[in-house]
Protein backbone atom coordinates (compact mmCIF):
# COMPACT_ATOMS: atom_id res chain seq x y z
CA UNK A 1 71.59 21.06 -7.37
CA UNK A 2 68.13 21.13 -6.51
CA UNK A 3 66.05 17.74 -6.70
CA UNK A 4 62.71 18.45 -8.21
CA UNK A 5 60.30 16.27 -6.54
CA UNK A 6 57.46 15.50 -8.68
CA UNK A 7 53.92 14.28 -7.25
CA UNK A 8 52.95 10.88 -8.34
CA UNK A 9 50.53 11.05 -10.91
CA UNK A 10 47.17 9.59 -10.00
CA UNK A 11 45.59 7.23 -12.15
CA UNK A 12 42.57 8.49 -14.18
CA UNK A 13 40.55 5.55 -13.33
CA UNK A 14 38.24 7.41 -11.01
CA UNK A 15 37.18 9.59 -14.03
CA UNK A 16 36.11 6.52 -16.02
CA UNK A 17 34.42 5.30 -12.98
CA UNK A 18 32.53 8.49 -12.57
CA UNK A 19 31.76 8.60 -16.16
CA UNK A 20 30.29 5.16 -16.23
CA UNK A 21 28.13 5.90 -13.04
CA UNK A 22 26.72 8.97 -14.71
CA UNK A 23 25.94 7.02 -17.78
CA UNK A 24 24.24 3.93 -15.68
CA UNK A 25 22.21 6.01 -13.28
CA UNK A 26 19.72 7.36 -15.60
CA UNK A 27 19.37 3.83 -17.21
CA UNK A 28 18.72 2.17 -13.71
CA UNK A 29 16.27 5.07 -13.10
CA UNK A 30 14.26 4.51 -16.03
CA UNK A 31 14.20 0.70 -15.69
CA UNK A 32 12.93 1.22 -11.85
CA UNK A 33 10.20 3.61 -13.34
CA UNK A 34 8.79 1.40 -15.81
CA UNK A 35 8.26 -1.47 -13.36
CA UNK A 36 4.64 -2.13 -12.30
CA UNK A 37 4.55 -1.77 -8.47
CA UNK A 38 1.54 -4.27 -8.22
CA UNK A 39 3.84 -6.69 -9.28
CA UNK A 40 6.38 -6.51 -6.64
CA UNK A 41 6.14 -9.17 -3.89
CA UNK A 42 5.07 -8.29 -0.39
CA UNK A 43 7.21 -9.59 2.56
CA UNK A 44 3.81 -10.13 4.28
CA UNK A 45 2.36 -12.87 1.74
CA UNK A 46 2.10 -16.02 3.63
CA UNK A 47 2.75 -14.32 7.14
CA UNK A 48 0.14 -13.05 9.88
CA UNK A 49 -1.26 -9.80 9.31
CA UNK A 50 0.29 -7.27 12.03
CA UNK A 51 -1.93 -6.46 14.75
CA UNK A 52 -3.05 -3.02 15.21
CA UNK A 53 -5.24 -0.61 16.97
CA UNK A 54 -5.57 2.80 15.41
CA UNK A 55 -8.63 5.57 15.85
CA UNK A 56 -11.25 5.63 13.63
CA UNK A 57 -11.23 8.46 10.96
CA UNK A 58 -14.63 9.74 11.46
CA UNK A 59 -16.07 8.66 14.77
CA UNK A 60 -15.09 7.80 18.47
CA UNK A 61 -13.32 4.51 19.19
CA UNK A 62 -10.63 2.35 17.34
CA UNK A 63 -10.29 0.02 14.50
CA UNK A 64 -8.69 -3.01 15.87
CA UNK A 65 -7.30 -5.77 14.24
CA UNK A 66 -8.71 -8.25 16.78
CA UNK A 67 -12.19 -7.47 15.61
CA UNK A 68 -11.64 -9.27 12.46
CA UNK A 69 -10.22 -12.79 13.68
CA UNK A 70 -12.10 -15.47 12.30
CA UNK A 71 -13.29 -13.80 9.15
CA UNK A 72 -11.66 -13.16 5.90
CA UNK A 73 -10.57 -9.44 5.53
CA UNK A 74 -9.89 -6.89 2.79
CA UNK A 75 -7.99 -4.22 4.17
CA UNK A 76 -7.59 -1.04 1.81
CA UNK A 77 -5.07 1.86 2.45
CA UNK A 78 -6.23 4.86 0.85
CA UNK A 79 -5.76 8.78 0.92
CA UNK A 80 -7.87 11.77 -0.29
CA UNK A 81 -4.95 12.98 -2.34
CA UNK A 82 -4.48 9.87 -4.20
CA UNK A 83 -5.73 9.96 -7.78
CA UNK A 84 -6.02 6.27 -8.18
CA UNK A 85 -7.99 5.96 -5.00
CA UNK A 86 -10.62 7.69 -6.84
CA UNK A 87 -10.59 5.00 -9.59
CA UNK A 88 -11.23 2.42 -7.03
CA UNK A 89 -13.86 4.24 -4.87
CA UNK A 90 -17.11 2.94 -6.49
CA UNK A 91 -15.67 -0.78 -6.40
CA UNK A 92 -14.66 -0.52 -2.66
CA UNK A 93 -18.41 0.94 -1.84
CA UNK A 94 -19.76 -2.23 -3.71
CA UNK A 95 -17.23 -4.51 -2.20
CA UNK A 96 -18.42 -2.98 1.45
CA UNK A 97 -22.14 -3.41 0.57
CA UNK A 98 -21.66 -6.95 -0.65
CA UNK A 99 -19.91 -7.71 2.53
CA UNK A 100 -22.53 -6.17 4.75
CA UNK A 101 -25.35 -7.87 2.84
CA UNK A 102 -23.47 -11.51 2.74
CA UNK A 103 -21.45 -11.26 6.05
CA UNK A 104 -18.94 -13.96 4.57
CA UNK A 105 -15.97 -11.53 4.88
CA UNK A 106 -15.18 -7.98 6.07
CA UNK A 107 -13.71 -4.98 4.55
CA UNK A 108 -11.99 -2.10 6.47
CA UNK A 109 -10.10 0.83 5.14
CA UNK A 110 -7.10 2.75 6.54
CA UNK A 111 -6.68 6.43 5.71
CA UNK A 112 -3.05 6.99 5.10
CA UNK A 113 -0.85 9.88 5.68
CA UNK A 114 -3.62 12.43 5.22
CA UNK A 115 -5.46 15.29 6.75
CA UNK A 116 -8.50 13.96 8.55
CA UNK A 117 -10.67 16.84 7.47
CA UNK A 118 -9.57 16.65 3.74
CA UNK A 119 -10.27 12.67 3.96
CA UNK A 120 -13.94 13.26 5.42
CA UNK A 121 -14.32 15.96 2.87
CA UNK A 122 -13.32 13.44 0.16
CA UNK A 123 -15.87 10.70 1.66
CA UNK A 124 -18.51 13.40 1.77
CA UNK A 125 -17.99 14.31 -1.89
CA UNK A 126 -17.34 11.00 -3.38
CA UNK A 127 -19.51 8.82 -0.85
CA UNK A 128 -18.93 7.35 2.51
CA UNK A 129 -17.44 3.69 2.48
CA UNK A 130 -20.28 1.15 4.03
CA UNK A 131 -17.37 0.01 6.43
CA UNK A 132 -15.02 1.38 8.95
CA UNK A 133 -11.99 3.26 8.35
CA UNK A 134 -9.15 3.97 10.53
CA UNK A 135 -6.89 6.98 10.53
CA UNK A 136 -2.97 6.21 9.98
CA UNK A 137 -1.71 9.99 9.94
CA UNK A 138 1.93 9.29 10.66
CA UNK A 139 2.05 6.18 8.60
CA UNK A 140 3.24 3.85 11.36
CA UNK A 141 0.53 1.03 10.27
CA UNK A 142 1.62 1.52 6.58
CA UNK A 143 5.37 0.98 7.61
CA UNK A 144 4.07 -2.33 9.56
CA UNK A 145 2.39 -3.54 6.29
CA UNK A 146 5.15 -2.32 3.88
CA UNK A 147 2.97 0.19 2.15
CA UNK A 148 4.73 2.37 -0.40
CA UNK A 149 2.17 3.66 -2.58
CA UNK A 150 -1.45 4.34 -2.69
CA UNK A 151 -3.94 2.40 -2.96
CA UNK A 152 -2.89 -0.94 -1.65
CA UNK A 153 -5.16 -3.57 -0.73
CA UNK A 154 -4.28 -6.70 1.56
CA UNK A 155 -6.56 -9.76 1.37
CA UNK A 156 -6.26 -11.74 4.70
CA UNK A 157 -7.82 -15.17 5.45
CA UNK A 158 -9.96 -16.20 8.29
CA UNK A 159 -6.96 -17.50 9.99
CA UNK A 160 -5.21 -14.13 9.91
CA UNK A 161 -2.59 -14.95 7.34
CA UNK A 162 -1.94 -12.28 4.51
CA UNK A 163 -2.71 -14.32 1.33
CA UNK A 164 -2.27 -11.38 -1.24
CA UNK A 165 -1.45 -7.71 -1.73
CA UNK A 166 -2.70 -5.66 -4.67
CA UNK A 167 -0.79 -2.20 -5.32
CA UNK A 168 -3.02 -0.05 -7.51
CA UNK A 169 -6.78 0.41 -8.00
CA UNK A 170 -9.27 -2.69 -7.25
CA UNK A 171 -10.94 -3.84 -10.43
CA UNK A 172 -13.45 -6.69 -10.93
CA UNK A 173 -10.53 -8.62 -12.30
CA UNK A 174 -8.48 -8.07 -9.47
CA UNK A 175 -11.34 -9.07 -7.07
CA UNK A 176 -12.17 -12.30 -8.89
CA UNK A 177 -8.49 -13.31 -8.64
CA UNK A 178 -7.98 -12.28 -4.96
CA UNK A 179 -11.02 -13.22 -3.17
CA UNK A 180 -10.65 -16.90 -3.68
CA UNK A 181 -7.44 -16.91 -2.16
CA UNK A 182 -8.96 -15.79 1.16
CA UNK A 183 -12.12 -18.30 0.99
CA UNK A 184 -14.60 -15.66 -0.68
CA UNK A 185 -16.27 -16.50 -3.89
CA UNK A 186 -16.15 -13.84 -6.37
């Protein structure tokens, strides 16, 4: 007599799990894509701005965070490939001119993960910023600041504490809300 060995049947629970996962994944993706990145909190808010020293984009020398101590700072991360950066460009020029004229705060830019020649070409076409821009070609400074999209702007008070991060183009309304947080009258 021959004994037939029947393999144990596996429960088909894994098929249900896989099916549920396949249904949930598009839903989770859709929810994530509809979130406004400007409303996501920054881990830096309420903390000291990271120290940095990066090369200038268009001149010799370095953009050094130590140079900004004692005055409020608006630090803008931008790139030539960023469409939204073009929308805020004129606003940043006005802000930089105001900073230079009044002297009550500073503005600086960080060209993020860009080709320096393309970035300089962008500034030649759109208009040079009236403030210094550093070059973060590998994105290391962006990592320190928690940057995940362009443009992003950090508002730092005179004591060096990041008071606010804004993701997306700057507007008059954003500046009216952000500048008082760093002690600057809008």
